[in-house]
Amino acid sequence: SQITRTRFTPYQTQVLNETFSSSAYIDASTCGQLARLLGISSRSIQTWFKNKRYKLRIQA
């Protein structure tokens, strides 16, 4: 079972970064709204936030 990697467009990344800058943790309703707006799954958004927090922690 191959897992396909989600490749985010520059616009999607921009929106995710703007959302992340206001809060490093996303709630379910915001996640659902972003999923509909950007046309990607809620799981992909949750994973993006998790990875972003991890990268920030590693850089610190």
PDB file of N, CA and C in Angstrom:
ATOM      1  N   SER A   1       0.837  -1.191   0.000  1.00  0.00           N
ATOM      2  CA  SER A   1       0.000   0.000   0.000  1.00  0.00           C
ATOM      3  C   SER A   1       0.877   1.247   0.000  1.00  0.00           C
ATOM      4  N   GLN A   2       0.965   1.869  -1.142  1.00  0.00           N
ATOM      5  CA  GLN A   2       1.769   3.082  -1.290  1.00  0.00           C
ATOM      6  C   GLN A   2       1.010   4.284  -0.722  1.00  0.00           C
ATOM      7  N   ILE A   3       1.713   5.105   0.026  1.00  0.00           N
ATOM      8  CA  ILE A   3       1.129   6.341   0.533  1.00  0.00           C
ATOM      9  C   ILE A   3       1.598   7.465  -0.376  1.00  0.00           C
ATOM     10  N   THR A   4       0.645   8.192  -0.954  1.00  0.00           N
ATOM     11  CA  THR A   4       1.027   9.280  -1.848  1.00  0.00           C
ATOM     12  C   THR A   4       1.361  10.515  -1.028  1.00  0.00           C
ATOM     13  N   ARG A   5       2.408  11.182  -1.417  1.00  0.00           N
ATOM     14  CA  ARG A   5       2.872  12.369  -0.716  1.00  0.00           C
ATOM     15  C   ARG A   5       2.116  13.579  -1.236  1.00  0.00           C
ATOM     16  N   THR A   6       1.601  14.387  -0.327  1.00  0.00           N
ATOM     17  CA  THR A   6       0.902  15.603  -0.717  1.00  0.00           C
ATOM     18  C   THR A   6       1.927  16.682  -1.030  1.00  0.00           C
ATOM     19  N   ARG A   7       1.861  17.222  -2.231  1.00  0.00           N
ATOM     20  CA  ARG A   7       2.735  18.329  -2.606  1.00  0.00           C
ATOM     21  C   ARG A   7       1.897  19.601  -2.551  1.00  0.00           C
ATOM     22  N   PHE A   8       2.292  20.510  -1.690  1.00  0.00           N
ATOM     23  CA  PHE A   8       1.522  21.731  -1.501  1.00  0.00           C
ATOM     24  C   PHE A   8       1.933  22.781  -2.526  1.00  0.00           C
ATOM     25  N   THR A   9       0.942  23.494  -3.049  1.00  0.00           N
ATOM     26  CA  THR A   9       1.227  24.593  -3.968  1.00  0.00           C
ATOM     27  C   THR A   9       1.744  25.781  -3.150  1.00  0.00           C
ATOM     28  N   PRO A  10       2.402  26.739  -3.809  1.00  0.00           N
ATOM     29  CA  PRO A  10       2.859  27.933  -3.072  1.00  0.00           C
ATOM     30  C   PRO A  10       1.715  28.648  -2.343  1.00  0.00           C
ATOM     31  N   TYR A  11       0.539  28.707  -2.974  1.00  0.00           N
ATOM     32  CA  TYR A  11      -0.603  29.353  -2.328  1.00  0.00           C
ATOM     33  C   TYR A  11      -1.024  28.594  -1.070  1.00  0.00           C
ATOM     34  N   GLN A  12      -1.099  27.267  -1.161  1.00  0.00           N
ATOM     35  CA  GLN A  12      -1.475  26.461   0.002  1.00  0.00           C
ATOM     36  C   GLN A  12      -0.473  26.658   1.132  1.00  0.00           C
ATOM     37  N   THR A  13       0.815  26.658   0.793  1.00  0.00           N
ATOM     38  CA  THR A  13       1.861  26.849   1.801  1.00  0.00           C
ATOM     39  C   THR A  13       1.743  28.219   2.450  1.00  0.00           C
ATOM     40  N   GLN A  14       1.439  29.236   1.647  1.00  0.00           N
ATOM     41  CA  GLN A  14       1.290  30.590   2.179  1.00  0.00           C
ATOM     42  C   GLN A  14       0.144  30.650   3.187  1.00  0.00           C
ATOM     43  N   VAL A  15      -0.996  30.069   2.825  1.00  0.00           N
ATOM     44  CA  VAL A  15      -2.162  30.082   3.722  1.00  0.00           C
ATOM     45  C   VAL A  15      -1.854  29.302   5.001  1.00  0.00           C
ATOM     46  N   LEU A  16      -1.204  28.148   4.868  1.00  0.00           N
ATOM     47  CA  LEU A  16      -0.858  27.342   6.040  1.00  0.00           C
ATOM     48  C   LEU A  16       0.113  28.094   6.946  1.00  0.00           C
ATOM     49  N   ASN A  17       1.111  28.754   6.366  1.00  0.00           N
ATOM     50  CA  ASN A  17       2.064  29.521   7.172  1.00  0.00           C
ATOM     51  C   ASN A  17       1.389  30.689   7.885  1.00  0.00           C
ATOM     52  N   GLU A  18       0.465  31.370   7.203  1.00  0.00           N
ATOM     53  CA  GLU A  18      -0.259  32.479   7.836  1.00  0.00           C
ATOM     54  C   GLU A  18      -1.107  31.970   9.006  1.00  0.00           C
ATOM     55  N   THR A  19      -1.744  30.834   8.820  1.00  0.00           N
ATOM     56  CA  THR A  19      -2.549  30.245   9.891  1.00  0.00           C
ATOM     57  C   THR A  19      -1.648  29.814  11.041  1.00  0.00           C
ATOM     58  N   PHE A  20      -0.507  29.226  10.715  1.00  0.00           N
ATOM     59  CA  PHE A  20       0.440  28.762  11.727  1.00  0.00           C
ATOM     60  C   PHE A  20       0.984  29.931  12.549  1.00  0.00           C
ATOM     61  N   SER A  21       1.183  31.086  11.901  1.00  0.00           N
ATOM     62  CA  SER A  21       1.755  32.233  12.611  1.00  0.00           C
ATOM     63  C   SER A  21       0.818  32.750  13.703  1.00  0.00           C
ATOM     64  N   SER A  22      -0.492  32.522  13.544  1.00  0.00           N
ATOM     65  CA  SER A  22      -1.421  32.950  14.595  1.00  0.00           C
ATOM     66  C   SER A  22      -1.550  31.893  15.687  1.00  0.00           C
ATOM     67  N   SER A  23      -1.357  30.623  15.336  1.00  0.00           N
ATOM     68  CA  SER A  23      -1.394  29.552  16.333  1.00  0.00           C
ATOM     69  C   SER A  23      -0.692  28.320  15.782  1.00  0.00           C
ATOM     70  N   ALA A  24       0.214  27.748  16.589  1.00  0.00           N
ATOM     71  CA  ALA A  24       0.967  26.569  16.159  1.00  0.00           C
ATOM     72  C   ALA A  24       0.108  25.308  16.207  1.00  0.00           C
ATOM     73  N   TYR A  25      -1.056  25.399  16.857  1.00  0.00           N
ATOM     74  CA  TYR A  25      -1.956  24.252  16.946  1.00  0.00           C
ATOM     75  C   TYR A  25      -3.279  24.624  16.297  1.00  0.00           C
ATOM     76  N   ILE A  26      -3.790  23.729  15.470  1.00  0.00           N
ATOM     77  CA  ILE A  26      -5.011  24.014  14.716  1.00  0.00           C
ATOM     78  C   ILE A  26      -6.177  23.229  15.317  1.00  0.00           C
ATOM     79  N   ASP A  27      -7.325  23.895  15.453  1.00  0.00           N
ATOM     80  CA  ASP A  27      -8.498  23.184  15.971  1.00  0.00           C
ATOM     81  C   ASP A  27      -9.266  22.544  14.811  1.00  0.00           C
ATOM     82  N   ALA A  28     -10.176  21.666  15.151  1.00  0.00           N
ATOM     83  CA  ALA A  28     -10.866  20.865  14.137  1.00  0.00           C
ATOM     84  C   ALA A  28     -11.671  21.719  13.157  1.00  0.00           C
ATOM     85  N   SER A  29     -12.341  22.756  13.655  1.00  0.00           N
ATOM     86  CA  SER A  29     -13.171  23.568  12.760  1.00  0.00           C
ATOM     87  C   SER A  29     -12.309  24.355  11.773  1.00  0.00           C
ATOM     88  N   THR A  30     -11.215  24.935  12.260  1.00  0.00           N
ATOM     89  CA  THR A  30     -10.306  25.668  11.375  1.00  0.00           C
ATOM     90  C   THR A  30      -9.685  24.727  10.357  1.00  0.00           C
ATOM     91  N   CYS A  31      -9.326  23.544  10.810  1.00  0.00           N
ATOM     92  CA  CYS A  31      -8.736  22.542   9.926  1.00  0.00           C
ATOM     93  C   CYS A  31      -9.720  22.173   8.813  1.00  0.00           C
ATOM     94  N   GLY A  32     -10.968  21.981   9.159  1.00  0.00           N
ATOM     95  CA  GLY A  32     -11.993  21.657   8.166  1.00  0.00           C
ATOM     96  C   GLY A  32     -12.199  22.774   7.161  1.00  0.00           C
ATOM     97  N   GLN A  33     -12.211  24.020   7.664  1.00  0.00           N
ATOM     98  CA  GLN A  33     -12.365  25.171   6.771  1.00  0.00           C
ATOM     99  C   GLN A  33     -11.198  25.263   5.795  1.00  0.00           C
ATOM    100  N   LEU A  34      -9.974  25.086   6.310  1.00  0.00           N
ATOM    101  CA  LEU A  34      -8.795  25.138   5.443  1.00  0.00           C
ATOM    102  C   LEU A  34      -8.816  24.012   4.419  1.00  0.00           C
ATOM    103  N   ALA A  35      -9.247  22.830   4.835  1.00  0.00           N
ATOM    104  CA  ALA A  35      -9.303  21.688   3.921  1.00  0.00           C
ATOM    105  C   ALA A  35     -10.227  21.996   2.742  1.00  0.00           C
ATOM    106  N   ARG A  36     -11.399  22.578   3.043  1.00  0.00           N
ATOM    107  CA  ARG A  36     -12.335  22.931   1.968  1.00  0.00           C
ATOM    108  C   ARG A  36     -11.777  24.060   1.108  1.00  0.00           C
ATOM    109  N   LEU A  37     -11.190  25.069   1.736  1.00  0.00           N
ATOM    110  CA  LEU A  37     -10.648  26.219   1.007  1.00  0.00           C
ATOM    111  C   LEU A  37      -9.513  25.807   0.075  1.00  0.00           C
ATOM    112  N   LEU A  38      -8.612  24.961   0.572  1.00  0.00           N
ATOM    113  CA  LEU A  38      -7.407  24.613  -0.178  1.00  0.00           C
ATOM    114  C   LEU A  38      -7.561  23.348  -1.020  1.00  0.00           C
ATOM    115  N   GLY A  39      -8.631  22.589  -0.789  1.00  0.00           N
ATOM    116  CA  GLY A  39      -8.852  21.377  -1.570  1.00  0.00           C
ATOM    117  C   GLY A  39      -7.919  20.235  -1.216  1.00  0.00           C
ATOM    118  N   ILE A  40      -7.514  20.166   0.055  1.00  0.00           N
ATOM    119  CA  ILE A  40      -6.670  19.061   0.526  1.00  0.00           C
ATOM    120  C   ILE A  40      -7.313  18.449   1.765  1.00  0.00           C
ATOM    121  N   SER A  41      -6.849  17.284   2.168  1.00  0.00           N
ATOM    122  CA  SER A  41      -7.481  16.581   3.285  1.00  0.00           C
ATOM    123  C   SER A  41      -7.108  17.203   4.632  1.00  0.00           C
ATOM    124  N   SER A  42      -7.984  17.028   5.601  1.00  0.00           N
ATOM    125  CA  SER A  42      -7.717  17.502   6.959  1.00  0.00           C
ATOM    126  C   SER A  42      -6.482  16.821   7.525  1.00  0.00           C
ATOM    127  N   ARG A  43      -6.320  15.543   7.209  1.00  0.00           N
ATOM    128  CA  ARG A  43      -5.161  14.795   7.699  1.00  0.00           C
ATOM    129  C   ARG A  43      -3.863  15.410   7.173  1.00  0.00           C
ATOM    130  N   SER A  44      -3.842  15.826   5.910  1.00  0.00           N
ATOM    131  CA  SER A  44      -2.651  16.457   5.339  1.00  0.00           C
ATOM    132  C   SER A  44      -2.324  17.760   6.064  1.00  0.00           C
ATOM    133  N   ILE A  45      -3.363  18.507   6.414  1.00  0.00           N
ATOM    134  CA  ILE A  45      -3.158  19.769   7.126  1.00  0.00           C
ATOM    135  C   ILE A  45      -2.622  19.498   8.525  1.00  0.00           C
ATOM    136  N   GLN A  46      -3.206  18.525   9.219  1.00  0.00           N
ATOM    137  CA  GLN A  46      -2.728  18.188  10.561  1.00  0.00           C
ATOM    138  C   GLN A  46      -1.275  17.741  10.518  1.00  0.00           C
ATOM    139  N   THR A  47      -0.920  16.953   9.522  1.00  0.00           N
ATOM    140  CA  THR A  47       0.461  16.484   9.377  1.00  0.00           C
ATOM    141  C   THR A  47       1.393  17.644   9.072  1.00  0.00           C
ATOM    142  N   TRP A  48       0.943  18.582   8.231  1.00  0.00           N
ATOM    143  CA  TRP A  48       1.760  19.759   7.912  1.00  0.00           C
ATOM    144  C   TRP A  48       2.071  20.546   9.193  1.00  0.00           C
ATOM    145  N   PHE A  49       1.047  20.762  10.025  1.00  0.00           N
ATOM    146  CA  PHE A  49       1.243  21.492  11.284  1.00  0.00           C
ATOM    147  C   PHE A  49       2.197  20.740  12.207  1.00  0.00           C
ATOM    148  N   LYS A  50       2.039  19.427  12.296  1.00  0.00           N
ATOM    149  CA  LYS A  50       2.913  18.610  13.140  1.00  0.00           C
ATOM    150  C   LYS A  50       4.362  18.721  12.671  1.00  0.00           C
ATOM    151  N   ASN A  51       4.572  18.613  11.364  1.00  0.00           N
ATOM    152  CA  ASN A  51       5.928  18.701  10.815  1.00  0.00           C
ATOM    153  C   ASN A  51       6.520  20.094  10.991  1.00  0.00           C
ATOM    154  N   LYS A  52       5.697  21.124  10.850  1.00  0.00           N
ATOM    155  CA  LYS A  52       6.162  22.504  11.017  1.00  0.00           C
ATOM    156  C   LYS A  52       6.624  22.733  12.463  1.00  0.00           C
ATOM    157  N   ARG A  53       5.839  22.237  13.440  1.00  0.00           N
ATOM    158  CA  ARG A  53       6.246  22.376  14.842  1.00  0.00           C
ATOM    159  C   ARG A  53       7.556  21.634  15.092  1.00  0.00           C
ATOM    160  N   TYR A  54       7.693  20.458  14.505  1.00  0.00           N
ATOM    161  CA  TYR A  54       8.913  19.659  14.668  1.00  0.00           C
ATOM    162  C   TYR A  54      10.123  20.397  14.097  1.00  0.00           C
ATOM    163  N   LYS A  55       9.973  20.954  12.896  1.00  0.00           N
ATOM    164  CA  LYS A  55      11.087  21.675  12.263  1.00  0.00           C
ATOM    165  C   LYS A  55      11.508  22.883  13.100  1.00  0.00           C
ATOM    166  N   LEU A  56      10.530  23.600  13.661  1.00  0.00           N
ATOM    167  CA  LEU A  56      10.855  24.756  14.508  1.00  0.00           C
ATOM    168  C   LEU A  56      11.611  24.323  15.756  1.00  0.00           C
ATOM    169  N   ARG A  57      11.192  23.198  16.347  1.00  0.00           N
ATOM    170  CA  ARG A  57      11.844  22.700  17.551  1.00  0.00           C
ATOM    171  C   ARG A  57      13.287  22.287  17.248  1.00  0.00           C
ATOM    172  N   ILE A  58      13.505  21.667  16.102  1.00  0.00           N
ATOM    173  CA  ILE A  58      14.846  21.227  15.716  1.00  0.00           C
ATOM    174  C   ILE A  58      15.764  22.429  15.492  1.00  0.00           C
ATOM    175  N   GLN A  59      15.234  23.503  14.893  1.00  0.00           N
ATOM    176  CA  GLN A  59      16.043  24.692  14.607  1.00  0.00           C
ATOM    177  C   GLN A  59      16.433  25.448  15.869  1.00  0.00           C
ATOM    178  N   ALA A  60      15.593  25.372  16.899  1.00  0.00           N
ATOM    179  CA  ALA A  60      15.828  26.157  18.121  1.00  0.00           C
ATOM    180  C   ALA A  60      17.070  25.705  18.876  1.00  0.00           C
TER     181      ALA A  60
END
